[in-house]
Amino acid sequence: NAGYVIYECYQPDDGDKLIRELPFSSLIFARQWFVVGELLQHLPPEDRITPIVGMLQGVVEKGGELRVEVADTNESKELLKFCRKFTVPLRAALRDAGVLANYETPKRPVVHVFFIAPGCCYTGYSYSNNNSPFYMGIPRLKFPADAPSRSTLKLEEAFHVFIPADEWDERLANGMWAVDLGACPGGWTYQLVKRNMWVYSVDNGPMAQSLMDTGQVTWLREDGFKFRPTRSNISWMVCDMVEKPAKVAALMAQWLVNGWCRETIFNLKLPMKKRYEEVSH
C-alpha cells in the first residue's frame, strides 16, 4: 500500500539497461518508472538541497526536466505542497551543478526526486522517450462542466496515454463513426461527440439529453453484448460496461476479429486482490 515498488538489480548498470530496453508502454499498472540510487534519509531541514545535488552529480548530466514527486497515496499527498515549493530552489541548484541543463528539453533525461516521507527521498532519472510524460504519471485533466459523468475523464486519459499527440488529427478525426457500448449516461460518448464523431450509443439506460441535442448521437436501447453494427466503417468502439473482465475481453476480441471496428478502448473492472492474475488469463 506504499504506492511504489523497488526492483533491485544485481549489476550497477542493469537498471539503466532495463529502462532503455523494456518498453514502458508494455507495463500494465506502472504510472512511472526511473532508476534510483540509495535512499537519502534524515535530510537536514536547513539544507535538503546539498545532499540531493551530491547524489545526482555524476549520475545525470544536463538533464532536461526536474520532477519532485510523491506516491499517489493520501499520506504522501500531504507532501505535495512542499514538493512544489522545493522544486524551484532545487532546480536552480541542479542547474548550477550541471545536473540540469539551463533550459527544459524533452531530448535529455528527466531528473526525478521522489519523497516517501519528510526528509527522506530517492533520486534518479528516466528517459523521456520511454517514460510517462506526466507529473507523477498522472494526466492533469479538468472535468468538463457539461459532461454527464466523471467517467468521461477515463476515456480522455486513455486517448492521451495510448495515442501520440501528433496522431490525434488522423485517428480521432472529425466525421468518424463510433460505437459506445454501455453508454448511459454518456460520459464516454461525450468525448467522441467532443471530437465531432457520429456515435451509436448502446445501452438500455437513457442518454443525457445534452448529448442527444447535438444530433450526433443515435441511442440504441439494446444490450451491449448482443448489439451488432450494421455499418462497415466504424472507426472506434469504446466500452465501459460493468461485467466480468473475461466476458468484456471476449467481446472486444470478437469485434476486432470480425472487423466491426478499426480500434477500441475498453475498461476492465479488475478484482481488487487479483488484478494481475485477471489480465494474465
Protein backbone atom coordinates (compact mmCIF):
# COMPACT_ATOMS: atom_id res chain seq x y z
CA ASN A 1 0.00 0.00 0.00
CA ALA A 2 3.03 2.30 -0.19
CA GLY A 3 2.19 3.35 -3.74
CA TYR A 4 5.59 2.41 -5.16
CA VAL A 5 7.74 -0.67 -5.81
CA ILE A 6 11.54 -1.04 -5.70
CA TYR A 7 13.01 -3.51 -8.21
CA GLU A 8 16.59 -4.31 -7.20
CA CYS A 9 19.11 -5.17 -9.93
CA TYR A 10 22.29 -7.21 -9.43
CA GLN A 11 24.72 -5.19 -11.56
CA PRO A 12 25.24 -1.41 -11.36
CA ASP A 13 24.18 -0.79 -14.97
CA ASP A 14 21.23 -3.18 -15.04
CA GLY A 15 18.72 -0.52 -14.02
CA ASP A 16 19.77 1.75 -16.85
CA LYS A 17 19.63 -1.14 -19.31
CA LEU A 18 16.15 -2.06 -18.10
CA ILE A 19 14.59 1.37 -18.64
CA ARG A 20 16.30 1.71 -22.02
CA GLU A 21 15.31 -1.66 -23.48
CA LEU A 22 11.98 -2.60 -21.88
CA PRO A 23 9.16 -0.52 -23.41
CA PHE A 24 7.43 1.42 -20.64
CA SER A 25 4.19 1.07 -22.60
CA SER A 26 4.34 -2.72 -22.10
CA LEU A 27 3.84 -2.36 -18.33
CA ILE A 28 0.26 -2.69 -17.11
CA PHE A 29 -0.04 -0.92 -13.78
CA ALA A 30 3.07 1.28 -13.55
CA ARG A 31 2.37 5.01 -13.78
CA GLN A 32 6.05 5.95 -13.92
CA TRP A 33 9.50 4.41 -13.56
CA PHE A 34 13.04 5.65 -13.08
CA VAL A 35 16.46 4.42 -11.98
CA VAL A 36 17.31 5.32 -8.37
CA GLY A 37 20.30 5.10 -6.07
CA GLU A 38 20.35 4.59 -2.32
CA LEU A 39 17.64 6.11 -0.18
CA LEU A 40 18.55 9.54 1.18
CA GLN A 41 17.41 9.75 4.80
CA HIS A 42 17.42 12.37 7.54
CA LEU A 43 17.85 15.30 5.18
CA PRO A 44 18.57 18.35 7.35
CA PRO A 45 15.63 20.79 7.24
CA GLU A 46 18.04 23.72 6.94
CA ASP A 47 19.68 22.27 3.80
CA ARG A 48 17.97 19.44 1.97
CA ILE A 49 19.37 20.56 -1.37
CA THR A 50 23.09 19.83 -0.95
CA PRO A 51 22.75 16.05 -0.29
CA ILE A 52 20.34 15.70 -3.22
CA VAL A 53 22.65 17.55 -5.60
CA GLY A 54 25.57 15.44 -4.40
CA MET A 55 23.63 12.24 -5.01
CA LEU A 56 22.82 13.22 -8.58
CA GLN A 57 26.22 14.57 -9.62
CA GLY A 58 27.98 12.05 -11.81
CA VAL A 59 24.70 10.20 -12.38
CA VAL A 60 22.90 12.69 -14.63
CA GLU A 61 24.44 15.40 -16.77
CA LYS A 62 22.41 18.20 -18.36
CA GLY A 63 19.02 16.66 -17.62
CA GLY A 64 16.10 18.15 -19.49
CA GLU A 65 13.50 18.36 -16.73
CA LEU A 66 13.10 18.07 -12.95
CA ARG A 67 10.17 16.34 -11.28
CA VAL A 68 9.87 16.37 -7.49
CA GLU A 69 7.18 13.78 -6.80
CA VAL A 70 5.47 11.57 -4.23
CA ALA A 71 3.50 8.33 -4.34
CA ASP A 72 -0.20 8.59 -5.11
CA THR A 73 -1.42 7.86 -1.58
CA ASN A 74 -3.34 10.03 0.88
CA GLU A 75 -0.36 10.13 3.24
CA SER A 76 2.14 11.09 0.55
CA LYS A 77 -0.12 13.75 -0.94
CA GLU A 78 0.43 15.77 2.22
CA LEU A 79 3.98 16.35 0.91
CA LEU A 80 2.86 17.73 -2.45
CA LYS A 81 2.72 21.35 -1.33
CA PHE A 82 6.29 21.08 -0.05
CA CYS A 83 7.42 19.39 -3.29
CA ARG A 84 6.07 22.23 -5.42
CA LYS A 85 7.81 24.87 -3.30
CA PHE A 86 11.03 22.86 -3.09
CA THR A 87 11.23 22.36 -6.86
CA VAL A 88 12.21 25.96 -7.63
CA PRO A 89 15.35 26.27 -5.45
CA LEU A 90 16.35 22.67 -6.18
CA ARG A 91 16.10 23.26 -9.93
CA ALA A 92 18.37 26.29 -9.64
CA ALA A 93 20.95 24.34 -7.62
CA LEU A 94 20.90 21.40 -10.05
CA ARG A 95 21.45 23.77 -12.97
CA ASP A 96 24.39 25.38 -11.20
CA ALA A 97 25.86 21.91 -10.62
CA GLY A 98 25.38 20.84 -14.25
CA VAL A 99 22.91 18.11 -13.35
CA LEU A 100 20.19 20.00 -15.21
CA ALA A 101 20.51 21.94 -18.45
CA ASN A 102 19.77 25.66 -18.29
CA TYR A 103 16.53 25.11 -20.18
CA GLU A 104 13.94 22.35 -20.31
CA THR A 105 14.23 19.95 -23.23
CA PRO A 106 12.50 16.62 -23.99
CA LYS A 107 15.68 15.36 -25.64
CA ARG A 108 17.52 14.87 -22.35
CA PRO A 109 16.85 12.56 -19.36
CA VAL A 110 14.25 13.52 -16.75
CA VAL A 111 15.64 14.01 -13.22
CA HIS A 112 13.38 12.56 -10.51
CA VAL A 113 13.38 13.32 -6.79
CA PHE A 114 10.85 11.06 -5.10
CA PHE A 115 9.90 11.84 -1.49
CA ILE A 116 8.50 8.94 0.54
CA ALA A 117 8.45 10.90 3.82
CA PRO A 118 9.59 14.32 5.09
CA GLY A 119 13.38 14.44 4.79
CA CYS A 120 13.50 11.09 3.00
CA CYS A 121 13.75 10.63 -0.77
CA TYR A 122 15.09 8.67 -3.71
CA THR A 123 16.88 10.43 -6.55
CA GLY A 124 17.24 9.18 -10.08
CA TYR A 125 16.41 9.58 -13.75
CA SER A 126 14.31 8.29 -16.62
CA TYR A 127 14.47 8.69 -20.38
CA SER A 128 11.90 10.96 -21.98
CA ASN A 129 11.40 8.61 -24.92
CA ASN A 130 10.50 5.69 -22.63
CA ASN A 131 8.61 7.02 -19.61
CA SER A 132 5.35 8.70 -18.74
CA PRO A 133 5.36 12.34 -19.87
CA PHE A 134 3.07 13.28 -16.97
CA TYR A 135 3.99 14.51 -13.49
CA MET A 136 3.60 11.52 -11.12
CA GLY A 137 2.49 9.61 -14.21
CA ILE A 138 -1.00 11.12 -13.95
CA PRO A 139 -2.51 13.36 -16.64
CA ARG A 140 -3.95 16.50 -15.06
CA LEU A 141 -7.33 16.65 -16.76
CA LYS A 142 -10.13 19.09 -15.97
CA PHE A 143 -13.64 17.72 -15.66
CA PRO A 144 -15.81 19.39 -18.31
CA ALA A 145 -18.79 21.12 -16.68
CA ASP A 146 -21.17 19.90 -19.40
CA ALA A 147 -20.10 16.22 -19.30
CA PRO A 148 -22.81 13.86 -18.00
CA SER A 149 -20.47 11.89 -15.68
CA ARG A 150 -16.92 11.89 -14.34
CA SER A 151 -16.23 8.68 -16.24
CA THR A 152 -15.54 10.91 -19.23
CA LEU A 153 -12.06 11.55 -17.81
CA LYS A 154 -11.16 7.85 -18.10
CA LEU A 155 -11.55 7.89 -21.87
CA GLU A 156 -9.81 11.24 -22.23
CA GLU A 157 -6.85 9.91 -20.22
CA ALA A 158 -6.77 6.80 -22.42
CA PHE A 159 -6.56 8.98 -25.52
CA HIS A 160 -3.59 10.84 -24.01
CA VAL A 161 -1.81 7.64 -22.94
CA PHE A 162 -2.44 5.42 -25.96
CA ILE A 163 -2.46 7.85 -28.89
CA PRO A 164 0.56 10.07 -29.62
CA ALA A 165 -0.40 13.74 -29.85
CA ASP A 166 0.74 14.00 -33.47
CA GLU A 167 -1.68 11.21 -34.45
CA TRP A 168 -4.84 12.69 -32.92
CA ASP A 169 -5.94 14.51 -36.09
CA GLU A 170 -5.77 11.25 -38.04
CA ARG A 171 -7.01 8.69 -35.51
CA LEU A 172 -9.57 10.90 -33.72
CA ALA A 173 -10.75 12.74 -36.80
CA ASN A 174 -13.91 14.75 -37.41
CA GLY A 175 -16.72 12.80 -39.01
CA MET A 176 -15.64 9.33 -37.86
CA TRP A 177 -18.26 6.78 -36.84
CA ALA A 178 -18.02 5.29 -33.34
CA VAL A 179 -19.89 2.89 -31.07
CA ASP A 180 -20.13 3.25 -27.28
CA LEU A 181 -21.21 0.01 -25.58
CA GLY A 182 -22.79 0.51 -22.15
CA ALA A 183 -23.01 4.21 -22.83
CA CYS A 184 -25.52 5.52 -20.23
CA PRO A 185 -25.50 8.36 -19.24
CA GLY A 186 -22.89 9.29 -21.84
CA GLY A 187 -19.54 10.07 -20.21
CA TRP A 188 -17.57 8.27 -22.91
CA THR A 189 -19.94 9.30 -25.70
CA TYR A 190 -19.24 12.88 -24.66
CA GLN A 191 -15.55 12.52 -25.58
CA LEU A 192 -16.44 11.17 -29.02
CA VAL A 193 -19.02 13.89 -29.66
CA LYS A 194 -16.49 16.49 -28.50
CA ARG A 195 -14.26 15.31 -31.35
CA ASN A 196 -17.13 15.69 -33.83
CA MET A 197 -17.73 11.97 -34.35
CA TRP A 198 -21.07 10.31 -35.11
CA VAL A 199 -21.87 7.92 -32.28
CA TYR A 200 -24.10 4.89 -31.79
CA SER A 201 -24.65 4.83 -28.02
CA VAL A 202 -25.80 1.37 -26.94
CA ASP A 203 -27.48 0.98 -23.53
CA ASN A 204 -30.86 0.18 -22.05
CA GLY A 205 -30.42 3.20 -19.80
CA PRO A 206 -31.14 6.72 -21.09
CA MET A 207 -28.55 9.10 -22.51
CA ALA A 208 -28.04 12.68 -21.32
CA GLN A 209 -30.36 15.00 -23.22
CA SER A 210 -27.49 17.42 -23.84
CA LEU A 211 -25.78 14.75 -25.96
CA MET A 212 -28.94 13.86 -27.85
CA ASP A 213 -29.45 17.54 -28.66
CA THR A 214 -26.16 17.62 -30.60
CA GLY A 215 -27.67 15.50 -33.36
CA GLN A 216 -24.50 13.38 -33.42
CA VAL A 217 -25.80 10.58 -31.18
CA THR A 218 -28.08 7.68 -32.06
CA TRP A 219 -29.32 5.98 -28.89
CA LEU A 220 -29.88 2.24 -29.36
CA ARG A 221 -31.77 0.70 -26.47
CA GLU A 222 -30.04 -2.68 -26.59
CA ASP A 223 -27.75 -4.97 -24.59
CA GLY A 224 -24.15 -4.09 -25.43
CA PHE A 225 -23.20 -7.78 -25.55
CA LYS A 226 -25.85 -8.54 -28.16
CA PHE A 227 -25.51 -5.46 -30.35
CA ARG A 228 -24.08 -5.95 -33.83
CA PRO A 229 -23.19 -2.96 -36.02
CA THR A 230 -24.86 -2.52 -39.39
CA ARG A 231 -22.23 -0.11 -40.70
CA SER A 232 -18.89 -1.30 -42.07
CA ASN A 233 -16.97 1.93 -41.41
CA ILE A 234 -16.84 2.04 -37.60
CA SER A 235 -13.52 3.63 -36.63
CA TRP A 236 -13.85 3.36 -32.84
CA MET A 237 -15.66 1.12 -30.40
CA VAL A 238 -15.39 2.08 -26.73
CA CYS A 239 -16.78 0.15 -23.79
CA ASP A 240 -17.16 0.83 -20.07
CA MET A 241 -19.62 -1.90 -19.12
CA VAL A 242 -19.73 -3.30 -15.58
CA GLU A 243 -19.17 -7.01 -16.22
CA LYS A 244 -16.59 -9.73 -15.59
CA PRO A 245 -13.28 -8.81 -17.29
CA ALA A 246 -13.05 -12.08 -19.23
CA LYS A 247 -16.51 -11.56 -20.70
CA VAL A 248 -15.71 -8.00 -21.76
CA ALA A 249 -12.34 -9.04 -23.22
CA ALA A 250 -14.01 -11.79 -25.25
CA LEU A 251 -16.49 -9.28 -26.67
CA MET A 252 -13.68 -6.89 -27.59
CA ALA A 253 -11.82 -9.69 -29.36
CA GLN A 254 -14.97 -10.58 -31.28
CA TRP A 255 -15.32 -7.00 -32.53
CA LEU A 256 -11.71 -6.82 -33.66
CA VAL A 257 -11.52 -10.30 -35.23
CA ASN A 258 -14.72 -9.69 -37.19
CA GLY A 259 -13.53 -6.27 -38.33
CA TRP A 260 -16.54 -4.50 -36.83
CA CYS A 261 -14.29 -1.60 -35.76
CA ARG A 262 -10.80 -0.38 -36.51
CA GLU A 263 -9.71 0.49 -32.95
CA THR A 264 -11.09 0.02 -29.46
CA ILE A 265 -10.57 1.31 -25.94
CA PHE A 266 -12.28 -0.56 -23.13
CA ASN A 267 -12.29 -0.62 -19.36
CA LEU A 268 -11.87 -3.83 -17.34
CA LYS A 269 -13.28 -3.89 -13.80
CA LEU A 270 -10.49 -5.92 -12.19
CA PRO A 271 -10.91 -7.66 -8.81
CA MET A 272 -9.04 -5.72 -6.13
CA LYS A 273 -6.80 -8.57 -4.92
CA LYS A 274 -6.22 -10.42 -8.21
CA ARG A 275 -5.67 -7.70 -10.77
CA TYR A 276 -2.56 -9.13 -12.40
CA GLU A 277 -3.91 -12.68 -12.41
CA GLU A 278 -7.04 -11.45 -14.20
CA VAL A 279 -5.20 -9.68 -17.01
CA SER A 280 -2.78 -12.62 -17.37
CA HIS A 281 -5.50 -15.07 -18.43
